[in-house]
């Protein structure tokens, strides 16, 4: 499965990395955001990581 020549699994992996760095930054108070934003991005990270894992499992 590809979008514009890039694997969907790769795109989701890059999104996971960016979301993880953001979550660490907000959790350690390096990036100042409200708790609501931190919570919502955590949920998005979970869903993105879940889809990434499921697609990678079925792709092999």
N, C-alpha and C. Protein backbone atom coordinates (compact mmCIF):
# COMPACT_ATOMS: atom_id res chain seq x y z
N UNK A 1 0.83 -1.17 0.00
CA UNK A 1 0.00 0.00 0.00
C UNK A 1 0.89 1.25 0.00
N UNK A 2 0.64 2.09 -0.99
CA UNK A 2 1.46 3.28 -1.12
C UNK A 2 0.62 4.51 -1.39
N UNK A 3 1.12 5.63 -0.92
CA UNK A 3 0.52 6.94 -1.21
C UNK A 3 1.61 7.80 -1.81
N UNK A 4 1.45 8.17 -3.05
CA UNK A 4 2.44 9.01 -3.72
C UNK A 4 3.82 8.37 -3.78
N UNK A 5 3.89 7.06 -3.88
CA UNK A 5 5.17 6.36 -3.97
C UNK A 5 5.78 6.02 -2.62
N UNK A 6 5.18 6.48 -1.50
CA UNK A 6 5.68 6.17 -0.17
C UNK A 6 4.75 5.17 0.51
N UNK A 7 5.33 4.27 1.25
CA UNK A 7 4.56 3.27 1.97
C UNK A 7 3.73 3.92 3.08
N UNK A 8 2.51 3.47 3.24
CA UNK A 8 1.65 3.98 4.31
C UNK A 8 2.27 3.67 5.66
N UNK A 9 2.92 2.52 5.77
CA UNK A 9 3.57 2.13 7.03
C UNK A 9 4.70 3.10 7.36
N UNK A 10 5.45 3.51 6.36
CA UNK A 10 6.52 4.49 6.58
C UNK A 10 5.96 5.84 7.01
N UNK A 11 4.90 6.27 6.36
CA UNK A 11 4.27 7.56 6.71
C UNK A 11 3.76 7.53 8.14
N UNK A 12 3.10 6.43 8.53
CA UNK A 12 2.60 6.32 9.90
C UNK A 12 3.76 6.25 10.90
N UNK A 13 4.86 5.62 10.53
CA UNK A 13 6.03 5.57 11.41
C UNK A 13 6.62 6.94 11.64
N UNK A 14 6.69 7.74 10.61
CA UNK A 14 7.22 9.11 10.75
C UNK A 14 6.26 9.94 11.60
N UNK A 15 4.95 9.79 11.38
CA UNK A 15 3.96 10.49 12.21
C UNK A 15 4.09 10.07 13.67
N UNK A 16 4.31 8.78 13.92
CA UNK A 16 4.50 8.29 15.29
C UNK A 16 5.70 8.95 15.94
N UNK A 17 6.79 9.05 15.22
CA UNK A 17 8.00 9.65 15.77
C UNK A 17 7.77 11.12 16.13
N UNK A 18 7.13 11.85 15.22
CA UNK A 18 6.86 13.27 15.47
C UNK A 18 5.93 13.44 16.67
N UNK A 19 4.87 12.63 16.73
CA UNK A 19 3.95 12.70 17.86
C UNK A 19 4.63 12.31 19.17
N UNK A 20 5.50 11.32 19.13
CA UNK A 20 6.21 10.89 20.34
C UNK A 20 7.13 11.98 20.86
N UNK A 21 7.86 12.63 19.96
CA UNK A 21 8.74 13.73 20.36
C UNK A 21 7.91 14.87 20.95
N UNK A 22 6.75 15.17 20.34
CA UNK A 22 5.88 16.21 20.86
C UNK A 22 5.37 15.84 22.26
N UNK A 23 4.95 14.59 22.43
CA UNK A 23 4.45 14.14 23.73
C UNK A 23 5.53 14.23 24.80
N UNK A 24 6.74 13.83 24.47
CA UNK A 24 7.84 13.94 25.43
C UNK A 24 8.13 15.39 25.77
N UNK A 25 8.12 16.24 24.76
CA UNK A 25 8.37 17.66 24.98
C UNK A 25 7.32 18.32 25.85
N UNK A 26 6.06 17.96 25.63
CA UNK A 26 5.01 18.56 26.44
C UNK A 26 4.96 17.94 27.83
N UNK A 27 5.27 16.67 27.95
CA UNK A 27 5.28 16.01 29.25
C UNK A 27 6.40 16.51 30.15
N UNK A 28 7.53 16.81 29.55
CA UNK A 28 8.67 17.33 30.30
C UNK A 28 8.64 18.85 30.42
N UNK A 29 7.57 19.46 29.94
CA UNK A 29 7.35 20.91 29.99
C UNK A 29 8.38 21.70 29.18
N UNK A 30 8.97 21.07 28.17
CA UNK A 30 9.86 21.79 27.26
C UNK A 30 9.03 22.60 26.25
N UNK A 31 7.86 22.07 25.92
CA UNK A 31 6.90 22.75 25.05
C UNK A 31 5.67 23.02 25.90
N UNK A 32 5.26 24.27 25.97
CA UNK A 32 4.14 24.65 26.83
C UNK A 32 2.82 24.56 26.05
N UNK A 33 1.99 23.59 26.41
CA UNK A 33 0.64 23.46 25.87
C UNK A 33 -0.29 23.08 27.02
N UNK A 34 -1.57 23.22 26.79
CA UNK A 34 -2.52 22.85 27.83
C UNK A 34 -2.60 21.33 27.94
N UNK A 35 -3.12 20.87 29.08
CA UNK A 35 -3.23 19.44 29.29
C UNK A 35 -4.17 18.81 28.28
N UNK A 36 -5.19 19.55 27.86
CA UNK A 36 -6.14 19.02 26.87
C UNK A 36 -5.46 18.68 25.54
N UNK A 37 -4.57 19.55 25.09
CA UNK A 37 -3.83 19.29 23.85
C UNK A 37 -2.91 18.08 24.03
N UNK A 38 -2.24 18.01 25.17
CA UNK A 38 -1.35 16.88 25.47
C UNK A 38 -2.14 15.57 25.46
N UNK A 39 -3.32 15.59 26.04
CA UNK A 39 -4.16 14.40 26.11
C UNK A 39 -4.65 13.98 24.72
N UNK A 40 -5.09 14.95 23.92
CA UNK A 40 -5.60 14.64 22.58
C UNK A 40 -4.50 14.10 21.67
N UNK A 41 -3.31 14.68 21.75
CA UNK A 41 -2.22 14.17 20.92
C UNK A 41 -1.77 12.79 21.39
N UNK A 42 -1.93 12.50 22.67
CA UNK A 42 -1.63 11.17 23.18
C UNK A 42 -2.58 10.13 22.60
N UNK A 43 -3.86 10.49 22.50
CA UNK A 43 -4.84 9.58 21.90
C UNK A 43 -4.56 9.39 20.42
N UNK A 44 -4.21 10.47 19.73
CA UNK A 44 -3.86 10.38 18.30
C UNK A 44 -2.62 9.51 18.13
N UNK A 45 -1.65 9.65 19.01
CA UNK A 45 -0.44 8.83 18.96
C UNK A 45 -0.78 7.35 19.13
N UNK A 46 -1.66 7.03 20.07
CA UNK A 46 -2.06 5.65 20.29
C UNK A 46 -2.71 5.06 19.04
N UNK A 47 -3.65 5.80 18.45
CA UNK A 47 -4.36 5.31 17.25
C UNK A 47 -3.38 5.14 16.10
N UNK A 48 -2.51 6.11 15.89
CA UNK A 48 -1.53 6.06 14.81
C UNK A 48 -0.57 4.89 15.00
N UNK A 49 -0.10 4.67 16.22
CA UNK A 49 0.81 3.56 16.50
C UNK A 49 0.11 2.22 16.32
N UNK A 50 -1.15 2.14 16.72
CA UNK A 50 -1.92 0.91 16.55
C UNK A 50 -2.08 0.57 15.07
N UNK A 51 -2.47 1.57 14.27
CA UNK A 51 -2.61 1.34 12.82
C UNK A 51 -1.28 0.97 12.19
N UNK A 52 -0.21 1.62 12.60
CA UNK A 52 1.13 1.33 12.10
C UNK A 52 1.50 -0.12 12.39
N UNK A 53 1.26 -0.55 13.61
CA UNK A 53 1.60 -1.92 13.99
C UNK A 53 0.76 -2.96 13.25
N UNK A 54 -0.54 -2.72 13.14
CA UNK A 54 -1.43 -3.66 12.45
C UNK A 54 -1.07 -3.77 10.97
N UNK A 55 -0.84 -2.62 10.32
CA UNK A 55 -0.48 -2.66 8.91
C UNK A 55 0.87 -3.34 8.69
N UNK A 56 1.83 -3.07 9.57
CA UNK A 56 3.14 -3.71 9.44
C UNK A 56 3.04 -5.22 9.65
N UNK A 57 2.19 -5.62 10.58
CA UNK A 57 2.01 -7.07 10.84
C UNK A 57 1.43 -7.77 9.63
N UNK A 58 0.41 -7.19 9.02
CA UNK A 58 -0.23 -7.81 7.87
C UNK A 58 0.57 -7.64 6.59
N UNK A 59 1.49 -6.72 6.54
CA UNK A 59 2.29 -6.49 5.32
C UNK A 59 3.38 -7.54 5.15
N UNK A 60 3.81 -8.13 6.24
CA UNK A 60 4.88 -9.13 6.09
C UNK A 60 4.32 -10.44 5.75
